[in-house]
Amino acid sequence: MPLGPDAARQLAEHLQPAAPDHPWTGARFSSSWGSREPLDVTLVTPELVAEVDADTAIDRGAWRNPKRFARLRPDVTVADVPPFGEGVTPAAG
């Protein structure tokens, strides 16, 4: 989910490095479908909520289309958001 320069600056002002017990420590991420090149990732403390624009289409267990950052949501706390993979289930198609 590439960010524009303004969004990247806005987000960077609020990020703090992750503690060693971050839930995604050791996870590997790739940039696109079928890519084997891992991304260089810096984990941060999960205390911000961001709104993203997303198509819920999933193909072979992966999101079919890229996600796009919309805005930070200072009116929503991390406790208000279910952990990734929990919560609302997409409708079967």
N, C-alpha and C. Protein backbone atom coordinates (compact mmCIF):
# COMPACT_ATOMS: atom_id res chain seq x y z
N MET A 1 0.85 -1.16 0.00
CA MET A 1 0.00 0.00 0.00
C MET A 1 0.91 1.23 0.00
N PRO A 2 1.33 1.68 -1.15
CA PRO A 2 2.21 2.84 -1.20
C PRO A 2 1.51 4.10 -0.70
N LEU A 3 2.26 4.92 0.00
CA LEU A 3 1.72 6.17 0.52
C LEU A 3 2.29 7.34 -0.28
N GLY A 4 1.47 8.36 -0.46
CA GLY A 4 1.97 9.59 -1.04
C GLY A 4 2.86 10.30 -0.03
N PRO A 5 3.66 11.29 -0.46
CA PRO A 5 4.58 11.97 0.44
C PRO A 5 3.89 12.63 1.64
N ASP A 6 2.73 13.25 1.42
CA ASP A 6 2.03 13.91 2.53
C ASP A 6 1.54 12.90 3.56
N ALA A 7 0.95 11.81 3.08
CA ALA A 7 0.46 10.77 3.99
C ALA A 7 1.62 10.12 4.74
N ALA A 8 2.73 9.88 4.05
CA ALA A 8 3.90 9.27 4.69
C ALA A 8 4.43 10.16 5.82
N ARG A 9 4.52 11.46 5.58
CA ARG A 9 4.98 12.40 6.61
C ARG A 9 4.02 12.42 7.79
N GLN A 10 2.73 12.48 7.51
CA GLN A 10 1.72 12.51 8.57
C GLN A 10 1.82 11.24 9.42
N LEU A 11 1.95 10.12 8.79
CA LEU A 11 2.02 8.85 9.51
C LEU A 11 3.32 8.73 10.29
N ALA A 12 4.44 9.12 9.71
CA ALA A 12 5.75 8.99 10.36
C ALA A 12 5.82 9.77 11.67
N GLU A 13 5.10 10.86 11.76
CA GLU A 13 5.10 11.67 12.99
C GLU A 13 4.54 10.90 14.19
N HIS A 14 3.76 9.86 13.94
CA HIS A 14 3.07 9.15 15.00
C HIS A 14 3.63 7.76 15.29
N LEU A 15 4.60 7.29 14.52
CA LEU A 15 5.08 5.91 14.67
C LEU A 15 6.20 5.79 15.69
N GLN A 16 6.16 4.68 16.44
CA GLN A 16 7.19 4.35 17.42
C GLN A 16 7.70 2.94 17.10
N PRO A 17 9.01 2.69 17.27
CA PRO A 17 9.53 1.34 17.00
C PRO A 17 8.84 0.29 17.86
N ALA A 18 8.70 -0.90 17.30
CA ALA A 18 8.04 -2.01 18.00
C ALA A 18 8.93 -2.60 19.08
N ALA A 19 8.28 -3.14 20.10
CA ALA A 19 8.98 -3.90 21.14
C ALA A 19 9.31 -5.29 20.58
N PRO A 20 10.25 -6.00 21.20
CA PRO A 20 10.63 -7.33 20.69
C PRO A 20 9.48 -8.34 20.67
N ASP A 21 8.42 -8.11 21.44
CA ASP A 21 7.31 -9.06 21.48
C ASP A 21 6.18 -8.70 20.50
N HIS A 22 6.47 -7.86 19.50
CA HIS A 22 5.47 -7.49 18.49
C HIS A 22 4.89 -8.76 17.88
N PRO A 23 3.56 -8.81 17.65
CA PRO A 23 2.94 -10.04 17.14
C PRO A 23 3.43 -10.48 15.76
N TRP A 24 4.03 -9.60 14.98
CA TRP A 24 4.49 -9.99 13.65
C TRP A 24 6.01 -10.15 13.57
N THR A 25 6.70 -10.19 14.72
CA THR A 25 8.15 -10.40 14.71
C THR A 25 8.45 -11.70 13.99
N GLY A 26 9.35 -11.64 13.04
CA GLY A 26 9.74 -12.82 12.27
C GLY A 26 8.92 -13.07 11.03
N ALA A 27 7.81 -12.35 10.85
CA ALA A 27 6.97 -12.54 9.66
C ALA A 27 7.68 -11.97 8.44
N ARG A 28 7.41 -12.57 7.29
CA ARG A 28 7.98 -12.07 6.03
C ARG A 28 6.83 -11.56 5.17
N PHE A 29 7.09 -10.48 4.45
CA PHE A 29 6.08 -9.87 3.61
C PHE A 29 6.64 -9.69 2.20
N SER A 30 5.78 -9.89 1.19
CA SER A 30 6.21 -9.66 -0.19
C SER A 30 5.40 -8.52 -0.78
N SER A 31 5.88 -8.01 -1.90
CA SER A 31 5.26 -6.81 -2.46
C SER A 31 4.10 -7.09 -3.40
N SER A 32 4.03 -8.28 -3.96
CA SER A 32 2.98 -8.54 -4.94
C SER A 32 2.70 -10.03 -5.05
N TRP A 33 1.61 -10.34 -5.72
CA TRP A 33 1.20 -11.71 -5.93
C TRP A 33 2.32 -12.50 -6.62
N GLY A 34 2.71 -13.61 -6.06
CA GLY A 34 3.72 -14.45 -6.67
C GLY A 34 5.15 -13.98 -6.46
N SER A 35 5.35 -12.86 -5.82
CA SER A 35 6.70 -12.34 -5.60
C SER A 35 7.39 -13.17 -4.52
N ARG A 36 8.65 -13.46 -4.73
CA ARG A 36 9.42 -14.19 -3.73
C ARG A 36 10.41 -13.28 -3.03
N GLU A 37 10.53 -12.06 -3.49
CA GLU A 37 11.42 -11.07 -2.86
C GLU A 37 10.77 -10.53 -1.61
N PRO A 38 11.37 -10.75 -0.43
CA PRO A 38 10.77 -10.19 0.78
C PRO A 38 10.99 -8.68 0.86
N LEU A 39 10.02 -7.99 1.44
CA LEU A 39 10.14 -6.56 1.66
C LEU A 39 10.99 -6.30 2.90
N ASP A 40 11.68 -5.19 2.91
CA ASP A 40 12.40 -4.74 4.09
C ASP A 40 11.36 -4.03 4.95
N VAL A 41 11.01 -4.61 6.10
CA VAL A 41 9.91 -4.12 6.93
C VAL A 41 10.45 -3.63 8.27
N THR A 42 9.95 -2.50 8.72
CA THR A 42 10.24 -2.00 10.06
C THR A 42 8.94 -2.07 10.85
N LEU A 43 8.90 -2.92 11.86
CA LEU A 43 7.69 -3.05 12.67
C LEU A 43 7.57 -1.87 13.62
N VAL A 44 6.35 -1.45 13.88
CA VAL A 44 6.08 -0.33 14.78
C VAL A 44 5.07 -0.75 15.84
N THR A 45 4.99 0.03 16.90
CA THR A 45 4.03 -0.23 17.97
C THR A 45 2.62 -0.08 17.40
N PRO A 46 1.77 -1.09 17.55
CA PRO A 46 0.42 -1.02 16.97
C PRO A 46 -0.53 -0.20 17.84
N GLU A 47 -0.41 1.13 17.75
CA GLU A 47 -1.31 1.98 18.54
C GLU A 47 -2.07 3.00 17.72
N LEU A 48 -1.93 2.96 16.40
CA LEU A 48 -2.69 3.85 15.52
C LEU A 48 -3.70 3.05 14.73
N VAL A 49 -4.80 3.70 14.38
CA VAL A 49 -5.79 3.09 13.51
C VAL A 49 -5.82 3.90 12.22
N ALA A 50 -5.70 3.21 11.11
CA ALA A 50 -5.78 3.86 9.80
C ALA A 50 -6.95 3.28 9.03
N GLU A 51 -7.61 4.12 8.28
CA GLU A 51 -8.68 3.68 7.39
C GLU A 51 -8.05 3.39 6.03
N VAL A 52 -8.43 2.27 5.43
CA VAL A 52 -7.92 1.92 4.11
C VAL A 52 -9.09 1.67 3.17
N ASP A 53 -8.87 1.92 1.90
CA ASP A 53 -9.84 1.56 0.87
C ASP A 53 -9.45 0.18 0.39
N ALA A 54 -10.41 -0.75 0.42
CA ALA A 54 -10.09 -2.13 0.08
C ALA A 54 -11.23 -2.80 -0.65
N ASP A 55 -10.88 -3.56 -1.66
CA ASP A 55 -11.80 -4.45 -2.33
C ASP A 55 -11.67 -5.77 -1.59
N THR A 56 -12.75 -6.37 -1.16
CA THR A 56 -12.67 -7.57 -0.33
C THR A 56 -12.47 -8.85 -1.14
N ALA A 57 -12.27 -8.74 -2.45
CA ALA A 57 -12.07 -9.93 -3.27
C ALA A 57 -10.78 -10.65 -2.87
N ILE A 58 -10.91 -11.95 -2.65
CA ILE A 58 -9.77 -12.78 -2.28
C ILE A 58 -9.64 -13.89 -3.33
N ASP A 59 -8.43 -14.12 -3.79
CA ASP A 59 -8.16 -15.14 -4.79
C ASP A 59 -7.06 -16.05 -4.28
N ARG A 60 -7.34 -17.31 -4.11
CA ARG A 60 -6.38 -18.30 -3.60
C ARG A 60 -5.75 -17.86 -2.28
N GLY A 61 -6.56 -17.30 -1.39
CA GLY A 61 -6.10 -16.94 -0.06
C GLY A 61 -5.40 -15.60 0.07
N ALA A 62 -5.33 -14.82 -1.00
CA ALA A 62 -4.66 -13.51 -0.94
C ALA A 62 -5.60 -12.44 -1.50
N TRP A 63 -5.41 -11.20 -1.02
CA TRP A 63 -6.21 -10.09 -1.53
C TRP A 63 -5.94 -9.95 -3.03
N ARG A 64 -6.98 -9.80 -3.81
CA ARG A 64 -6.83 -9.71 -5.26
C ARG A 64 -6.30 -8.35 -5.70
N ASN A 65 -6.69 -7.27 -5.00
CA ASN A 65 -6.31 -5.92 -5.40
C ASN A 65 -5.57 -5.21 -4.28
N PRO A 66 -4.72 -4.25 -4.62
CA PRO A 66 -3.96 -3.54 -3.58
C PRO A 66 -4.87 -2.70 -2.68
N LYS A 67 -4.42 -2.50 -1.46
CA LYS A 67 -5.13 -1.66 -0.50
C LYS A 67 -4.55 -0.25 -0.59
N ARG A 68 -5.35 0.74 -0.26
CA ARG A 68 -4.89 2.13 -0.32
C ARG A 68 -5.17 2.83 1.00
N PHE A 69 -4.16 3.51 1.52
CA PHE A 69 -4.31 4.30 2.74
C PHE A 69 -5.28 5.43 2.47
N ALA A 70 -6.27 5.61 3.35
CA ALA A 70 -7.23 6.70 3.21
C ALA A 70 -6.91 7.83 4.20
N ARG A 71 -6.82 7.48 5.51
CA ARG A 71 -6.56 8.50 6.51
C ARG A 71 -6.32 7.85 7.87
N LEU A 72 -5.68 8.60 8.75
CA LEU A 72 -5.57 8.16 10.14
C LEU A 72 -6.92 8.37 10.81
N ARG A 73 -7.23 7.54 11.81
CA ARG A 73 -8.49 7.65 12.53
C ARG A 73 -8.23 7.88 14.01
N PRO A 74 -7.90 9.12 14.42
CA PRO A 74 -7.65 9.40 15.83
C PRO A 74 -8.89 9.22 16.71
N ASP A 75 -10.07 9.15 16.09
CA ASP A 75 -11.31 8.95 16.83
C ASP A 75 -11.59 7.48 17.15
N VAL A 76 -10.73 6.58 16.68
CA VAL A 76 -10.89 5.14 16.90
C VAL A 76 -9.64 4.63 17.60
N THR A 77 -9.82 3.83 18.66
CA THR A 77 -8.67 3.27 19.36
C THR A 77 -8.39 1.86 18.84
N VAL A 78 -7.20 1.37 19.12
CA VAL A 78 -6.83 0.01 18.71
C VAL A 78 -7.78 -1.00 19.34
N ALA A 79 -8.25 -0.74 20.56
CA ALA A 79 -9.18 -1.64 21.24
C ALA A 79 -10.53 -1.73 20.51
N ASP A 80 -10.86 -0.73 19.70
CA ASP A 80 -12.13 -0.72 18.96
C ASP A 80 -12.08 -1.60 17.71
N VAL A 81 -10.90 -2.03 17.31
CA VAL A 81 -10.72 -2.75 16.05
C VAL A 81 -10.37 -4.21 16.33
N PRO A 82 -11.09 -5.17 15.74
CA PRO A 82 -10.74 -6.57 15.97
C PRO A 82 -9.37 -6.89 15.37
N PRO A 83 -8.63 -7.83 15.96
CA PRO A 83 -7.33 -8.21 15.39
C PRO A 83 -7.48 -8.69 13.95
N PHE A 84 -6.43 -8.53 13.16
CA PHE A 84 -6.45 -8.94 11.76
C PHE A 84 -6.87 -10.40 11.66
N GLY A 85 -7.80 -10.68 10.78
CA GLY A 85 -8.29 -12.04 10.60
C GLY A 85 -9.50 -12.37 11.44
N GLU A 86 -9.89 -11.48 12.34
CA GLU A 86 -11.07 -11.68 13.17
C GLU A 86 -12.09 -10.60 12.82
N GLY A 87 -13.28 -10.73 13.33
CA GLY A 87 -14.27 -9.70 13.09
C GLY A 87 -15.17 -10.05 11.94
N VAL A 88 -15.54 -9.07 11.14
CA VAL A 88 -16.48 -9.27 10.05
C VAL A 88 -15.89 -10.23 9.02
N THR A 89 -16.69 -11.21 8.63
CA THR A 89 -16.26 -12.18 7.63
C THR A 89 -16.83 -11.77 6.27
N PRO A 90 -15.98 -11.72 5.22
CA PRO A 90 -16.51 -11.36 3.90
C PRO A 90 -17.57 -12.36 3.45
N ALA A 91 -18.54 -11.88 2.71
CA ALA A 91 -19.59 -12.76 2.19
C ALA A 91 -19.02 -13.73 1.16
N ALA A 92 -19.53 -14.93 1.16
CA ALA A 92 -19.11 -15.93 0.17
C ALA A 92 -19.69 -15.52 -1.18
N GLY A 93 -18.92 -15.72 -2.23
CA GLY A 93 -19.39 -15.29 -3.54
C GLY A 93 -19.56 -16.40 -4.42
